PDB file of all heavy atoms in Angstrom:
ATOM      1  N   ASP A   1      65.451  55.086-123.658  1.00  0.00           N
ATOM      2  CA  ASP A   1      65.754  55.382-122.237  1.00  0.00           C
ATOM      3  C   ASP A   1      65.534  56.834-121.922  1.00  0.00           C
ATOM      4  O   ASP A   1      66.241  57.395-121.010  1.00  0.00           O
ATOM      5  CB  ASP A   1      67.160  54.914-121.905  1.00  0.00           C
ATOM      6  CG  ASP A   1      67.368  54.297-120.553  1.00  0.00           C
ATOM      7  OD1 ASP A   1      66.413  54.253-119.838  1.00  0.00           O
ATOM      8  OD2 ASP A   1      68.488  53.959-120.237  1.00  0.00           O
ATOM      9  N   ALA A   2      64.572  57.423-122.639  1.00  0.00           N
ATOM     10  CA  ALA A   2      64.460  58.862-122.508  1.00  0.00           C
ATOM     11  C   ALA A   2      64.110  59.381-121.127  1.00  0.00           C
ATOM     12  O   ALA A   2      64.609  60.553-120.685  1.00  0.00           O
ATOM     13  CB  ALA A   2      63.430  59.377-123.487  1.00  0.00           C
ATOM     14  N   SER A   3      63.348  58.563-120.430  1.00  0.00           N
ATOM     15  CA  SER A   3      62.988  59.025-119.054  1.00  0.00           C
ATOM     16  C   SER A   3      64.147  59.170-118.084  1.00  0.00           C
ATOM     17  O   SER A   3      64.108  59.898-117.130  1.00  0.00           O
ATOM     18  CB  SER A   3      61.873  58.086-118.484  1.00  0.00           C
ATOM     19  OG  SER A   3      62.516  56.807-118.321  1.00  0.00           O
ATOM     20  N   ARG A   4      65.184  58.423-118.405  1.00  0.00           N
ATOM     21  CA  ARG A   4      66.416  58.464-117.611  1.00  0.00           C
ATOM     22  C   ARG A   4      67.435  59.550-118.075  1.00  0.00           C
ATOM     23  O   ARG A   4      68.003  60.228-117.312  1.00  0.00           O
ATOM     24  CB  ARG A   4      67.129  57.118-117.506  1.00  0.00           C
ATOM     25  CG  ARG A   4      68.435  57.210-116.793  1.00  0.00           C
ATOM     26  CD  ARG A   4      69.212  55.781-116.842  1.00  0.00           C
ATOM     27  NE  ARG A   4      69.553  55.435-118.142  1.00  0.00           N
ATOM     28  CZ  ARG A   4      70.674  55.806-118.805  1.00  0.00           C
ATOM     29  NH1 ARG A   4      71.452  56.670-118.158  1.00  0.00           N
ATOM     30  NH2 ARG A   4      70.990  55.345-119.939  1.00  0.00           N
ATOM     31  N   ILE A   5      67.548  59.579-119.466  1.00  0.00           N
ATOM     32  CA  ILE A   5      68.617  60.461-119.941  1.00  0.00           C
ATOM     33  C   ILE A   5      68.261  61.941-119.695  1.00  0.00           C
ATOM     34  O   ILE A   5      69.265  62.820-119.802  1.00  0.00           O
ATOM     35  CB  ILE A   5      68.922  60.159-121.366  1.00  0.00           C
ATOM     36  CG1 ILE A   5      67.758  60.555-122.303  1.00  0.00           C
ATOM     37  CG2 ILE A   5      69.374  58.817-121.548  1.00  0.00           C
ATOM     38  CD1 ILE A   5      68.064  60.442-123.817  1.00  0.00           C
ATOM     39  N   GLN A   6      67.050  62.281-119.577  1.00  0.00           N
ATOM     40  CA  GLN A   6      66.727  63.721-119.389  1.00  0.00           C
ATOM     41  C   GLN A   6      67.081  64.124-117.883  1.00  0.00           C
ATOM     42  O   GLN A   6      67.086  65.387-117.586  1.00  0.00           O
ATOM     43  CB  GLN A   6      65.189  64.004-119.506  1.00  0.00           C
ATOM     44  CG  GLN A   6      64.325  63.268-118.498  1.00  0.00           C
ATOM     45  CD  GLN A   6      62.875  63.712-118.675  1.00  0.00           C
ATOM     46  OE1 GLN A   6      62.564  64.832-118.929  1.00  0.00           O
ATOM     47  NE2 GLN A   6      61.955  62.773-118.556  1.00  0.00           N
ATOM     48  N   GLN A   7      67.351  63.109-116.995  1.00  0.00           N
ATOM     49  CA  GLN A   7      67.722  63.518-115.716  1.00  0.00           C
ATOM     50  C   GLN A   7      69.262  63.553-115.535  1.00  0.00           C
ATOM     51  O   GLN A   7      69.895  62.577-115.942  1.00  0.00           O
ATOM     52  CB  GLN A   7      67.225  62.358-114.711  1.00  0.00           C
ATOM     53  CG  GLN A   7      65.655  62.267-114.734  1.00  0.00           C
ATOM     54  CD  GLN A   7      65.101  61.144-113.945  1.00  0.00           C
ATOM     55  OE1 GLN A   7      65.667  60.149-113.939  1.00  0.00           O
ATOM     56  NE2 GLN A   7      64.162  61.361-113.168  1.00  0.00           N
ATOM     57  N   ARG A   8      69.798  64.602-115.038  1.00  0.00           N
ATOM     58  CA  ARG A   8      71.251  64.868-115.047  1.00  0.00           C
ATOM     59  C   ARG A   8      71.760  65.159-113.718  1.00  0.00           C
ATOM     60  O   ARG A   8      71.109  65.805-112.778  1.00  0.00           O
ATOM     61  CB  ARG A   8      71.688  65.977-115.948  1.00  0.00           C
ATOM     62  CG  ARG A   8      71.154  65.830-117.476  1.00  0.00           C
ATOM     63  CD  ARG A   8      71.268  64.584-118.071  1.00  0.00           C
ATOM     64  NE  ARG A   8      72.529  63.832-117.961  1.00  0.00           N
ATOM     65  CZ  ARG A   8      72.744  62.655-118.343  1.00  0.00           C
ATOM     66  NH1 ARG A   8      71.773  61.902-118.817  1.00  0.00           N
ATOM     67  NH2 ARG A   8      73.997  62.095-118.180  1.00  0.00           N
ATOM     68  N   MET A   9      73.043  64.762-113.455  1.00  0.00           N
ATOM     69  CA  MET A   9      73.755  65.074-112.191  1.00  0.00           C
ATOM     70  C   MET A   9      74.311  66.504-112.391  1.00  0.00           C
ATOM     71  O   MET A   9      75.255  66.783-113.153  1.00  0.00           O
ATOM     72  CB  MET A   9      74.909  64.179-111.975  1.00  0.00           C
ATOM     73  CG  MET A   9      75.713  64.388-110.631  1.00  0.00           C
ATOM     74  SD  MET A   9      77.131  63.413-110.583  1.00  0.00           S
ATOM     75  CE  MET A   9      78.163  64.374-111.668  1.00  0.00           C
ATOM     76  N   HIS A  10      73.624  67.481-111.714  1.00  0.00           N
ATOM     77  CA  HIS A  10      73.974  68.905-111.900  1.00  0.00           C
ATOM     78  C   HIS A  10      74.900  69.428-110.699  1.00  0.00           C
ATOM     79  O   HIS A  10      75.278  70.634-110.692  1.00  0.00           O
ATOM     80  CB  HIS A  10      72.674  69.748-111.902  1.00  0.00           C
ATOM     81  CG  HIS A  10      72.777  71.014-112.628  1.00  0.00           C
ATOM     82  ND1 HIS A  10      72.438  72.179-111.916  1.00  0.00           N
ATOM     83  CD2 HIS A  10      73.235  71.408-113.760  1.00  0.00           C
ATOM     84  CE1 HIS A  10      72.596  73.259-112.700  1.00  0.00           C
ATOM     85  NE2 HIS A  10      73.096  72.771-113.808  1.00  0.00           N
ATOM     86  N   ASN A  11      75.277  68.583-109.800  1.00  0.00           N
ATOM     87  CA  ASN A  11      76.147  68.949-108.657  1.00  0.00           C
ATOM     88  C   ASN A  11      77.538  69.491-109.054  1.00  0.00           C
ATOM     89  O   ASN A  11      78.007  69.081-110.143  1.00  0.00           O
ATOM     90  CB  ASN A  11      76.397  67.777-107.661  1.00  0.00           C
ATOM     91  CG  ASN A  11      75.022  67.055-107.426  1.00  0.00           C
ATOM     92  OD1 ASN A  11      74.292  66.792-108.349  1.00  0.00           O
ATOM     93  ND2 ASN A  11      74.993  66.562-106.172  1.00  0.00           N
ATOM     94  N   LYS A  12      78.035  70.459-108.311  1.00  0.00           N
ATOM     95  CA  LYS A  12      79.444  70.933-108.511  1.00  0.00           C
ATOM     96  C   LYS A  12      80.122  71.009-107.161  1.00  0.00           C
ATOM     97  O   LYS A  12      79.781  71.624-106.274  1.00  0.00           O
ATOM     98  CB  LYS A  12      79.327  72.413-109.121  1.00  0.00           C
ATOM     99  CG  LYS A  12      78.991  72.478-110.547  1.00  0.00           C
ATOM    100  CD  LYS A  12      77.537  72.837-110.697  1.00  0.00           C
ATOM    101  CE  LYS A  12      77.188  73.104-112.118  1.00  0.00           C
ATOM    102  NZ  LYS A  12      75.727  73.217-112.355  1.00  0.00           N
ATOM    103  N   LEU A  13      81.291  70.174-107.221  1.00  0.00           N
ATOM    104  CA  LEU A  13      82.148  70.140-106.046  1.00  0.00           C
ATOM    105  C   LEU A  13      83.608  70.088-106.500  1.00  0.00           C
ATOM    106  O   LEU A  13      83.955  69.456-107.413  1.00  0.00           O
ATOM    107  CB  LEU A  13      81.822  68.924-105.140  1.00  0.00           C
ATOM    108  CG  LEU A  13      80.490  68.899-104.424  1.00  0.00           C
ATOM    109  CD1 LEU A  13      80.348  67.584-103.720  1.00  0.00           C
ATOM    110  CD2 LEU A  13      80.431  70.038-103.342  1.00  0.00           C
ATOM    111  N   PHE A  14      84.429  70.778-105.711  1.00  0.00           N
ATOM    112  CA  PHE A  14      85.977  70.750-105.858  1.00  0.00           C
ATOM    113  C   PHE A  14      86.576  70.690-104.554  1.00  0.00           C
ATOM    114  O   PHE A  14      86.651  71.658-103.840  1.00  0.00           O
ATOM    115  CB  PHE A  14      86.417  72.068-106.650  1.00  0.00           C
ATOM    116  CG  PHE A  14      87.627  71.903-107.414  1.00  0.00           C
ATOM    117  CD1 PHE A  14      87.684  71.974-108.726  1.00  0.00           C
ATOM    118  CD2 PHE A  14      88.861  71.689-106.723  1.00  0.00           C
ATOM    119  CE1 PHE A  14      88.910  71.915-109.444  1.00  0.00           C
ATOM    120  CE2 PHE A  14      90.097  71.632-107.383  1.00  0.00           C
ATOM    121  CZ  PHE A  14      90.163  71.707-108.733  1.00  0.00           C
ATOM    122  N   LEU A  15      87.007  69.511-104.095  1.00  0.00           N
ATOM    123  CA  LEU A  15      87.319  69.269-102.689  1.00  0.00           C
ATOM    124  C   LEU A  15      88.826  68.855-102.591  1.00  0.00           C
ATOM    125  O   LEU A  15      89.240  67.995-103.392  1.00  0.00           O
ATOM    126  CB  LEU A  15      86.490  68.202-102.111  1.00  0.00           C
ATOM    127  CG  LEU A  15      84.968  68.257-102.255  1.00  0.00           C
ATOM    128  CD1 LEU A  15      84.249  67.033-101.758  1.00  0.00           C
ATOM    129  CD2 LEU A  15      84.463  69.653-101.593  1.00  0.00           C
ATOM    130  N   ALA A  16      89.451  69.400-101.566  1.00  0.00           N
ATOM    131  CA  ALA A  16      90.955  69.068-101.404  1.00  0.00           C
ATOM    132  C   ALA A  16      91.176  68.579 -99.913  1.00  0.00           C
ATOM    133  O   ALA A  16      90.873  69.252 -99.034  1.00  0.00           O
ATOM    134  CB  ALA A  16      91.773  70.257-101.710  1.00  0.00           C
ATOM    135  N   ASP A  17      91.688  67.407 -99.751  1.00  0.00           N
ATOM    136  CA  ASP A  17      92.097  66.751 -98.532  1.00  0.00           C
ATOM    137  C   ASP A  17      90.910  66.806 -97.586  1.00  0.00           C
ATOM    138  O   ASP A  17      91.177  66.805 -96.348  1.00  0.00           O
ATOM    139  CB  ASP A  17      93.288  67.673 -97.937  1.00  0.00           C
ATOM    140  CG  ASP A  17      94.576  67.286 -98.714  1.00  0.00           C
ATOM    141  OD1 ASP A  17      94.554  66.252 -99.467  1.00  0.00           O
ATOM    142  OD2 ASP A  17      95.551  67.949 -98.435  1.00  0.00           O
ATOM    143  N   ASN A  18      89.736  66.854 -97.963  1.00  0.00           N
ATOM    144  CA  ASN A  18      88.531  66.855 -97.125  1.00  0.00           C
ATOM    145  C   ASN A  18      88.450  67.837 -96.173  1.00  0.00           C
ATOM    146  O   ASN A  18      87.887  67.776 -95.023  1.00  0.00           O
ATOM    147  CB  ASN A  18      88.427  65.407 -96.383  1.00  0.00           C
ATOM    148  CG  ASN A  18      87.065  65.024 -95.955  1.00  0.00           C
ATOM    149  OD1 ASN A  18      86.037  65.703 -96.364  1.00  0.00           O
ATOM    150  ND2 ASN A  18      86.877  64.028 -95.183  1.00  0.00           N
ATOM    151  N   VAL A  19      89.166  68.990 -96.380  1.00  0.00           N
ATOM    152  CA  VAL A  19      89.101  70.082 -95.460  1.00  0.00           C
ATOM    153  C   VAL A  19      88.883  71.465 -96.019  1.00  0.00           C
ATOM    154  O   VAL A  19      88.503  72.401 -95.381  1.00  0.00           O
ATOM    155  CB  VAL A  19      90.407  70.124 -94.668  1.00  0.00           C
ATOM    156  CG1 VAL A  19      91.639  70.635 -95.513  1.00  0.00           C
ATOM    157  CG2 VAL A  19      90.429  71.081 -93.397  1.00  0.00           C
ATOM    158  N   LEU A  20      89.063  71.650 -97.383  1.00  0.00           N
ATOM    159  CA  LEU A  20      88.705  72.832 -98.127  1.00  0.00           C
ATOM    160  C   LEU A  20      87.927  72.358 -99.393  1.00  0.00           C
ATOM    161  O   LEU A  20      88.342  71.478-100.012  1.00  0.00           O
ATOM    162  CB  LEU A  20      90.038  73.601 -98.508  1.00  0.00           C
ATOM    163  CG  LEU A  20      90.508  74.522 -97.386  1.00  0.00           C
ATOM    164  CD1 LEU A  20      91.998  74.891 -97.755  1.00  0.00           C
ATOM    165  CD2 LEU A  20      89.662  75.763 -97.247  1.00  0.00           C
ATOM    166  N   GLY A  21      86.969  73.187 -99.788  1.00  0.00           N
ATOM    167  CA  GLY A  21      86.257  72.833-101.021  1.00  0.00           C
ATOM    168  C   GLY A  21      85.431  73.963-101.498  1.00  0.00           C
ATOM    169  O   GLY A  21      84.997  74.967-100.774  1.00  0.00           O
ATOM    170  N   VAL A  22      85.160  73.887-102.785  1.00  0.00           N
ATOM    171  CA  VAL A  22      84.337  74.903-103.519  1.00  0.00           C
ATOM    172  C   VAL A  22      83.093  74.310-104.009  1.00  0.00           C
ATOM    173  O   VAL A  22      83.146  73.254-104.635  1.00  0.00           O
ATOM    174  CB  VAL A  22      85.191  75.511-104.772  1.00  0.00           C
ATOM    175  CG1 VAL A  22      84.325  76.542-105.451  1.00  0.00           C
ATOM    176  CG2 VAL A  22      86.395  76.235-104.259  1.00  0.00           C
ATOM    177  N   THR A  23      81.921  74.999-103.829  1.00  0.00           N
ATOM    178  CA  THR A  23      80.715  74.599-104.454  1.00  0.00           C
ATOM    179  C   THR A  23      79.968  75.882-104.949  1.00  0.00           C
ATOM    180  O   THR A  23      80.393  76.941-104.488  1.00  0.00           O
ATOM    181  CB  THR A  23      79.846  73.795-103.475  1.00  0.00           C
ATOM    182  OG1 THR A  23      78.727  73.169-104.154  1.00  0.00           O
ATOM    183  CG2 THR A  23      79.306  74.653-102.380  1.00  0.00           C
ATOM    184  N   GLY A  24      78.969  75.607-105.802  1.00  0.00           N
ATOM    185  CA  GLY A  24      78.237  76.779-106.309  1.00  0.00           C
ATOM    186  C   GLY A  24      77.704  76.445-107.765  1.00  0.00           C
ATOM    187  O   GLY A  24      77.308  75.356-107.969  1.00  0.00           O
ATOM    188  N   GLY A  25      77.780  77.399-108.585  1.00  0.00           N
ATOM    189  CA  GLY A  25      77.105  77.352-109.916  1.00  0.00           C
ATOM    190  C   GLY A  25      78.149  77.041-111.072  1.00  0.00           C
ATOM    191  O   GLY A  25      77.654  76.497-112.000  1.00  0.00           O
TER     192      GLY A  25
END
């Protein structure tokens, strides 16, 4: 399944009460 496993979810989120959140590296 190499064509799939090389693709990764690289997103970064830290969300509180849908009103404050941190994103970045």
